[in-house]
Amino acid sequence: MQKPKGKIVAIGGNEDKGTYPSPAEEHLQTHLRFFDHGILKRIHDELHGLGTRIEVITSASHIPEQMGQLYLDAFLKLGCDNVGVLYMQHSDTAQDDYFLERIKKADGLMFTGGDQRRISEVFLGSPALELLKQRYQQEEKFLISGTSAGAMALSKIMIEESRDDNALVKGMVRLQEGMGLLEDLVIDTHFVNRRRMPRLIEAISAYPSHVGIGLGEDTGILIRENECIETIGSGLVVVIDGRHLEENNFTQIEQGEPLCLEHLLLHVLPKGRRYNLVTGEFMDEVR
């Protein structure tokens, strides 16, 4: 299969998942600290600077107007004055010519945080998703980014929710279909702060041919050619590789029984470190 020419940036986020209670809504700025740690600037730079068109997609959010305004303000602080918001909250918008035309003209897209299931509900099976995949595959200067729920929805296998983040037993994690821009990855976010290692391990035990990516808050990865990932931001990225498992009891056990995994590989990448998803090896550090 041909390598995609576009780029993807997946960000660990640090806004609360789903709807915000009213006290949190008064302090939304504090939930987006990654603005000050260079991730949005890196997105801006990868899009070749001023004049590029960025569209913010708020499908995941229960408070789309406030979320959209936060991103508008943040990009404006970087000097980006060609930014719009696509309030695609329902599946009919992903078939609407108005939204499709906006997506066609954008140089970069940003999926906000919220609830990743809402993104799947809007985009799966839609002309908008086919357009995203086509542009990502064919256009070198096209970039898709997502934070928190927006990052999790980028992969084909998507973590929907978990019953208990601390239990390494079968059935604690519920998976569903994501947008499928990233075929062989499973992405989890808020990874360190919310202690989500167990649920990503279970996801990889269910899909051992995939690589799990755990994104810390204020942290992201830049993905080129669906092959090389580079850590950006202030925190850590955890890579969980199940492709070399010698024992994996996931298909033999019942719900609620403990997992047994032999030779599950784990890597930790700070800012500037790169990893080859195909070979499973570290690459030269970015200076």
Foldseek 3Di string as FASTA:
>chain_A
DFFFQAKEKEAQFQDDAAADDPVCLVVVVVRGVLLVFCPVVVVCVLLVHEPAAEEEEEQQYPCQVSVQVSVCVSVVVVVHPRYYYDDQNAQVLLADPVNQVSLVRHLEYEYEHYALVSQCRNHPPGPNLVVVLVCRRYPNRHYYYYYASGNQLQAQKHFRDAQDQPAQFPPRTDIDGHSHSQYAEGEHHCPPVVVNVSVQVNVCLVVQSHKYKYHHHSKMWMDGSSWKIFIGGAAKIKIKHNPPWPDWCRVPDDGPGHIDTDPTDMDMHGHQWMATPVVRDTDDGHD
